[in-house]
Amino acid sequence: MLKMNEIVSWDEKALVAKIESLKSEVFTIRMQKVTSGIEKPHKIKDNKRDIARLYTVLNRKSEK
């Protein structure tokens, strides 16, 4: 899980890159869940929360 203290110091390009990687990871986990089942279903929830945190920081930086 990502911490807000760490995320705030990242630049916008790093935020966007991390958002894209987490989105693709969520997609992959969902596909695994449908096809064969997964051991850690909580990873979807954790990644979605991290994506929301990243979007929050990205929006705050773009407003300034």
PDB file of N, CA and C in Angstrom:
ATOM      1  N   MET A   1       0.834  -1.165   0.000  1.00  0.00           N
ATOM      2  CA  MET A   1       0.000   0.000   0.000  1.00  0.00           C
ATOM      3  C   MET A   1       0.887   1.239   0.000  1.00  0.00           C
ATOM      4  N   LEU A   2       0.482   2.214  -0.767  1.00  0.00           N
ATOM      5  CA  LEU A   2       1.251   3.446  -0.882  1.00  0.00           C
ATOM      6  C   LEU A   2       0.876   4.419   0.229  1.00  0.00           C
ATOM      7  N   LYS A   3       1.852   5.154   0.705  1.00  0.00           N
ATOM      8  CA  LYS A   3       1.641   6.156   1.755  1.00  0.00           C
ATOM      9  C   LYS A   3       1.533   7.536   1.124  1.00  0.00           C
ATOM     10  N   MET A   4       0.674   8.371   1.678  1.00  0.00           N
ATOM     11  CA  MET A   4       0.480   9.717   1.144  1.00  0.00           C
ATOM     12  C   MET A   4       1.769  10.533   1.234  1.00  0.00           C
ATOM     13  N   ASN A   5       2.567  10.309   2.267  1.00  0.00           N
ATOM     14  CA  ASN A   5       3.822  11.048   2.407  1.00  0.00           C
ATOM     15  C   ASN A   5       4.745  10.792   1.224  1.00  0.00           C
ATOM     16  N   GLU A   6       4.775   9.555   0.736  1.00  0.00           N
ATOM     17  CA  GLU A   6       5.619   9.210  -0.397  1.00  0.00           C
ATOM     18  C   GLU A   6       5.057   9.785  -1.696  1.00  0.00           C
ATOM     19  N   ILE A   7       3.748   9.671  -1.869  1.00  0.00           N
ATOM     20  CA  ILE A   7       3.108  10.047  -3.127  1.00  0.00           C
ATOM     21  C   ILE A   7       3.215  11.545  -3.386  1.00  0.00           C
ATOM     22  N   VAL A   8       3.109  12.346  -2.357  1.00  0.00           N
ATOM     23  CA  VAL A   8       3.108  13.805  -2.525  1.00  0.00           C
ATOM     24  C   VAL A   8       4.405  14.291  -3.150  1.00  0.00           C
ATOM     25  N   SER A   9       5.494  13.615  -2.891  1.00  0.00           N
ATOM     26  CA  SER A   9       6.783  14.063  -3.412  1.00  0.00           C
ATOM     27  C   SER A   9       7.014  13.659  -4.875  1.00  0.00           C
ATOM     28  N   TRP A  10       6.177  12.805  -5.435  1.00  0.00           N
ATOM     29  CA  TRP A  10       6.341  12.361  -6.828  1.00  0.00           C
ATOM     30  C   TRP A  10       5.897  13.451  -7.792  1.00  0.00           C
ATOM     31  N   ASP A  11       6.477  13.460  -8.991  1.00  0.00           N
ATOM     32  CA  ASP A  11       6.036  14.393 -10.019  1.00  0.00           C
ATOM     33  C   ASP A  11       4.846  13.798 -10.775  1.00  0.00           C
ATOM     34  N   GLU A  12       4.233  14.599 -11.638  1.00  0.00           N
ATOM     35  CA  GLU A  12       3.010  14.185 -12.322  1.00  0.00           C
ATOM     36  C   GLU A  12       3.228  12.992 -13.249  1.00  0.00           C
ATOM     37  N   LYS A  13       4.361  12.937 -13.908  1.00  0.00           N
ATOM     38  CA  LYS A  13       4.637  11.810 -14.809  1.00  0.00           C
ATOM     39  C   LYS A  13       4.728  10.497 -14.048  1.00  0.00           C
ATOM     40  N   ALA A  14       5.349  10.536 -12.885  1.00  0.00           N
ATOM     41  CA  ALA A  14       5.460   9.329 -12.062  1.00  0.00           C
ATOM     42  C   ALA A  14       4.095   8.893 -11.550  1.00  0.00           C
ATOM     43  N   LEU A  15       3.253   9.860 -11.194  1.00  0.00           N
ATOM     44  CA  LEU A  15       1.903   9.539 -10.735  1.00  0.00           C
ATOM     45  C   LEU A  15       1.089   8.855 -11.826  1.00  0.00           C
ATOM     46  N   VAL A  16       1.135   9.424 -13.027  1.00  0.00           N
ATOM     47  CA  VAL A  16       0.384   8.857 -14.149  1.00  0.00           C
ATOM     48  C   VAL A  16       0.901   7.465 -14.493  1.00  0.00           C
ATOM     49  N   ALA A  17       2.197   7.285 -14.472  1.00  0.00           N
ATOM     50  CA  ALA A  17       2.772   5.974 -14.779  1.00  0.00           C
ATOM     51  C   ALA A  17       2.343   4.933 -13.750  1.00  0.00           C
ATOM     52  N   LYS A  18       2.337   5.307 -12.487  1.00  0.00           N
ATOM     53  CA  LYS A  18       1.932   4.369 -11.439  1.00  0.00           C
ATOM     54  C   LYS A  18       0.444   4.043 -11.533  1.00  0.00           C
ATOM     55  N   ILE A  19      -0.375   5.034 -11.886  1.00  0.00           N
ATOM     56  CA  ILE A  19      -1.806   4.795 -12.074  1.00  0.00           C
ATOM     57  C   ILE A  19      -2.025   3.771 -13.176  1.00  0.00           C
ATOM     58  N   GLU A  20      -1.340   3.949 -14.287  1.00  0.00           N
ATOM     59  CA  GLU A  20      -1.499   3.018 -15.405  1.00  0.00           C
ATOM     60  C   GLU A  20      -1.049   1.604 -15.038  1.00  0.00           C
ATOM     61  N   SER A  21       0.051   1.498 -14.304  1.00  0.00           N
ATOM     62  CA  SER A  21       0.524   0.165 -13.920  1.00  0.00           C
ATOM     63  C   SER A  21      -0.441  -0.508 -12.946  1.00  0.00           C
ATOM     64  N   LEU A  22      -1.006   0.260 -12.020  1.00  0.00           N
ATOM     65  CA  LEU A  22      -1.963  -0.315 -11.078  1.00  0.00           C
ATOM     66  C   LEU A  22      -3.259  -0.717 -11.771  1.00  0.00           C
ATOM     67  N   LYS A  23      -3.695   0.078 -12.749  1.00  0.00           N
ATOM     68  CA  LYS A  23      -4.898  -0.281 -13.502  1.00  0.00           C
ATOM     69  C   LYS A  23      -4.704  -1.582 -14.264  1.00  0.00           C
ATOM     70  N   SER A  24      -3.541  -1.739 -14.869  1.00  0.00           N
ATOM     71  CA  SER A  24      -3.289  -2.981 -15.602  1.00  0.00           C
ATOM     72  C   SER A  24      -3.179  -4.169 -14.649  1.00  0.00           C
ATOM     73  N   GLU A  25      -2.636  -3.932 -13.463  1.00  0.00           N
ATOM     74  CA  GLU A  25      -2.542  -4.996 -12.459  1.00  0.00           C
ATOM     75  C   GLU A  25      -3.933  -5.412 -11.973  1.00  0.00           C
ATOM     76  N   VAL A  26      -4.835  -4.436 -11.768  1.00  0.00           N
ATOM     77  CA  VAL A  26      -6.203  -4.744 -11.369  1.00  0.00           C
ATOM     78  C   VAL A  26      -6.889  -5.574 -12.453  1.00  0.00           C
ATOM     79  N   PHE A  27      -6.686  -5.194 -13.697  1.00  0.00           N
ATOM     80  CA  PHE A  27      -7.271  -5.944 -14.811  1.00  0.00           C
ATOM     81  C   PHE A  27      -6.760  -7.379 -14.833  1.00  0.00           C
ATOM     82  N   THR A  28      -5.463  -7.543 -14.661  1.00  0.00           N
ATOM     83  CA  THR A  28      -4.863  -8.880 -14.661  1.00  0.00           C
ATOM     84  C   THR A  28      -5.408  -9.729 -13.511  1.00  0.00           C
ATOM     85  N   ILE A  29      -5.515  -9.132 -12.343  1.00  0.00           N
ATOM     86  CA  ILE A  29      -6.025  -9.864 -11.186  1.00  0.00           C
ATOM     87  C   ILE A  29      -7.479 -10.269 -11.409  1.00  0.00           C
ATOM     88  N   ARG A  30      -8.273  -9.364 -11.995  1.00  0.00           N
ATOM     89  CA  ARG A  30      -9.671  -9.710 -12.278  1.00  0.00           C
ATOM     90  C   ARG A  30      -9.772 -10.865 -13.264  1.00  0.00           C
ATOM     91  N   MET A  31      -8.924 -10.864 -14.277  1.00  0.00           N
ATOM     92  CA  MET A  31      -8.950 -11.962 -15.246  1.00  0.00           C
ATOM     93  C   MET A  31      -8.556 -13.280 -14.585  1.00  0.00           C
ATOM     94  N   GLN A  32      -7.574 -13.241 -13.704  1.00  0.00           N
ATOM     95  CA  GLN A  32      -7.175 -14.448 -12.986  1.00  0.00           C
ATOM     96  C   GLN A  32      -8.308 -14.937 -12.082  1.00  0.00           C
ATOM     97  N   LYS A  33      -9.010 -13.997 -11.480  1.00  0.00           N
ATOM     98  CA  LYS A  33     -10.113 -14.344 -10.592  1.00  0.00           C
ATOM     99  C   LYS A  33     -11.214 -15.077 -11.353  1.00  0.00           C
ATOM    100  N   VAL A  34     -11.508 -14.620 -12.548  1.00  0.00           N
ATOM    101  CA  VAL A  34     -12.568 -15.225 -13.346  1.00  0.00           C
ATOM    102  C   VAL A  34     -12.144 -16.592 -13.876  1.00  0.00           C
ATOM    103  N   THR A  35     -10.916 -16.700 -14.340  1.00  0.00           N
ATOM    104  CA  THR A  35     -10.494 -17.935 -14.991  1.00  0.00           C
ATOM    105  C   THR A  35     -10.094 -19.036 -14.025  1.00  0.00           C
ATOM    106  N   SER A  36      -9.242 -18.717 -13.064  1.00  0.00           N
ATOM    107  CA  SER A  36      -8.718 -19.800 -12.233  1.00  0.00           C
ATOM    108  C   SER A  36      -8.827 -19.556 -10.726  1.00  0.00           C
ATOM    109  N   GLY A  37      -9.223 -18.392 -10.342  1.00  0.00           N
ATOM    110  CA  GLY A  37      -9.249 -18.066  -8.919  1.00  0.00           C
ATOM    111  C   GLY A  37      -7.908 -17.498  -8.484  1.00  0.00           C
ATOM    112  N   ILE A  38      -7.936 -16.713  -7.434  1.00  0.00           N
ATOM    113  CA  ILE A  38      -6.713 -16.086  -6.951  1.00  0.00           C
ATOM    114  C   ILE A  38      -6.574 -16.319  -5.453  1.00  0.00           C
ATOM    115  N   GLU A  39      -5.345 -16.260  -4.990  1.00  0.00           N
ATOM    116  CA  GLU A  39      -5.065 -16.473  -3.580  1.00  0.00           C
ATOM    117  C   GLU A  39      -5.310 -15.223  -2.738  1.00  0.00           C
ATOM    118  N   LYS A  40      -5.093 -14.056  -3.330  1.00  0.00           N
ATOM    119  CA  LYS A  40      -5.191 -12.813  -2.570  1.00  0.00           C
ATOM    120  C   LYS A  40      -6.221 -11.870  -3.215  1.00  0.00           C
ATOM    121  N   PRO A  41      -7.503 -12.103  -2.984  1.00  0.00           N
ATOM    122  CA  PRO A  41      -8.522 -11.241  -3.600  1.00  0.00           C
ATOM    123  C   PRO A  41      -8.509  -9.815  -3.051  1.00  0.00           C
ATOM    124  N   HIS A  42      -7.912  -9.598  -1.896  1.00  0.00           N
ATOM    125  CA  HIS A  42      -7.857  -8.256  -1.320  1.00  0.00           C
ATOM    126  C   HIS A  42      -6.948  -7.323  -2.118  1.00  0.00           C
ATOM    127  N   LYS A  43      -6.105  -7.858  -2.990  1.00  0.00           N
ATOM    128  CA  LYS A  43      -5.208  -7.022  -3.785  1.00  0.00           C
ATOM    129  C   LYS A  43      -5.982  -6.088  -4.709  1.00  0.00           C
ATOM    130  N   ILE A  44      -7.155  -6.509  -5.188  1.00  0.00           N
ATOM    131  CA  ILE A  44      -7.976  -5.652  -6.045  1.00  0.00           C
ATOM    132  C   ILE A  44      -8.384  -4.410  -5.267  1.00  0.00           C
ATOM    133  N   LYS A  45      -8.885  -4.617  -4.058  1.00  0.00           N
ATOM    134  CA  LYS A  45      -9.330  -3.513  -3.218  1.00  0.00           C
ATOM    135  C   LYS A  45      -8.169  -2.579  -2.866  1.00  0.00           C
ATOM    136  N   ASP A  46      -7.032  -3.152  -2.508  1.00  0.00           N
ATOM    137  CA  ASP A  46      -5.861  -2.345  -2.162  1.00  0.00           C
ATOM    138  C   ASP A  46      -5.394  -1.505  -3.347  1.00  0.00           C
ATOM    139  N   ASN A  47      -5.352  -2.113  -4.533  1.00  0.00           N
ATOM    140  CA  ASN A  47      -4.905  -1.383  -5.714  1.00  0.00           C
ATOM    141  C   ASN A  47      -5.879  -0.267  -6.083  1.00  0.00           C
ATOM    142  N   LYS A  48      -7.175  -0.515  -5.939  1.00  0.00           N
ATOM    143  CA  LYS A  48      -8.153   0.520  -6.244  1.00  0.00           C
ATOM    144  C   LYS A  48      -8.025   1.696  -5.280  1.00  0.00           C
ATOM    145  N   ARG A  49      -7.721   1.415  -4.034  1.00  0.00           N
ATOM    146  CA  ARG A  49      -7.506   2.494  -3.061  1.00  0.00           C
ATOM    147  C   ARG A  49      -6.247   3.286  -3.398  1.00  0.00           C
ATOM    148  N   ASP A  50      -5.204   2.593  -3.815  1.00  0.00           N
ATOM    149  CA  ASP A  50      -3.970   3.279  -4.216  1.00  0.00           C
ATOM    150  C   ASP A  50      -4.214   4.161  -5.435  1.00  0.00           C
ATOM    151  N   ILE A  51      -5.001   3.679  -6.383  1.00  0.00           N
ATOM    152  CA  ILE A  51      -5.328   4.471  -7.565  1.00  0.00           C
ATOM    153  C   ILE A  51      -6.066   5.737  -7.149  1.00  0.00           C
ATOM    154  N   ALA A  52      -7.010   5.612  -6.231  1.00  0.00           N
ATOM    155  CA  ALA A  52      -7.750   6.780  -5.748  1.00  0.00           C
ATOM    156  C   ALA A  52      -6.813   7.778  -5.065  1.00  0.00           C
ATOM    157  N   ARG A  53      -5.870   7.277  -4.280  1.00  0.00           N
ATOM    158  CA  ARG A  53      -4.895   8.165  -3.626  1.00  0.00           C
ATOM    159  C   ARG A  53      -4.064   8.911  -4.665  1.00  0.00           C
ATOM    160  N   LEU A  54      -3.623   8.188  -5.678  1.00  0.00           N
ATOM    161  CA  LEU A  54      -2.812   8.806  -6.721  1.00  0.00           C
ATOM    162  C   LEU A  54      -3.591   9.867  -7.486  1.00  0.00           C
ATOM    163  N   TYR A  55      -4.857   9.588  -7.803  1.00  0.00           N
ATOM    164  CA  TYR A  55      -5.679  10.581  -8.477  1.00  0.00           C
ATOM    165  C   TYR A  55      -5.902  11.810  -7.606  1.00  0.00           C
ATOM    166  N   THR A  56      -6.059  11.627  -6.314  1.00  0.00           N
ATOM    167  CA  THR A  56      -6.240  12.745  -5.398  1.00  0.00           C
ATOM    168  C   THR A  56      -5.024  13.659  -5.416  1.00  0.00           C
ATOM    169  N   VAL A  57      -3.847  13.076  -5.318  1.00  0.00           N
ATOM    170  CA  VAL A  57      -2.619  13.877  -5.328  1.00  0.00           C
ATOM    171  C   VAL A  57      -2.433  14.542  -6.694  1.00  0.00           C
ATOM    172  N   LEU A  58      -2.730  13.818  -7.758  1.00  0.00           N
ATOM    173  CA  LEU A  58      -2.583  14.363  -9.110  1.00  0.00           C
ATOM    174  C   LEU A  58      -3.505  15.567  -9.310  1.00  0.00           C
ATOM    175  N   ASN A  59      -4.736  15.461  -8.837  1.00  0.00           N
ATOM    176  CA  ASN A  59      -5.678  16.579  -8.964  1.00  0.00           C
ATOM    177  C   ASN A  59      -5.250  17.769  -8.117  1.00  0.00           C
ATOM    178  N   ARG A  60      -4.705  17.528  -6.935  1.00  0.00           N
ATOM    179  CA  ARG A  60      -4.227  18.642  -6.107  1.00  0.00           C
ATOM    180  C   ARG A  60      -3.062  19.352  -6.774  1.00  0.00           C
ATOM    181  N   LYS A  61      -2.181  18.587  -7.402  1.00  0.00           N
ATOM    182  CA  LYS A  61      -1.025  19.206  -8.065  1.00  0.00           C
ATOM    183  C   LYS A  61      -1.442  19.975  -9.300  1.00  0.00           C
ATOM    184  N   SER A  62      -2.442  19.497 -10.029  1.00  0.00           N
ATOM    185  CA  SER A  62      -2.857  20.185 -11.251  1.00  0.00           C
ATOM    186  C   SER A  62      -3.629  21.463 -10.942  1.00  0.00           C
ATOM    187  N   GLU A  63      -4.238  21.559  -9.775  1.00  0.00           N
ATOM    188  CA  GLU A  63      -4.962  22.772  -9.379  1.00  0.00           C
ATOM    189  C   GLU A  63      -4.035  23.912  -9.038  1.00  0.00           C
ATOM    190  N   LYS A  64      -2.829  23.606  -8.591  1.00  0.00           N
ATOM    191  CA  LYS A  64      -1.898  24.652  -8.158  1.00  0.00           C
ATOM    192  C   LYS A  64      -1.285  25.383  -9.297  1.00  0.00           C
TER     193      LYS A  64
END
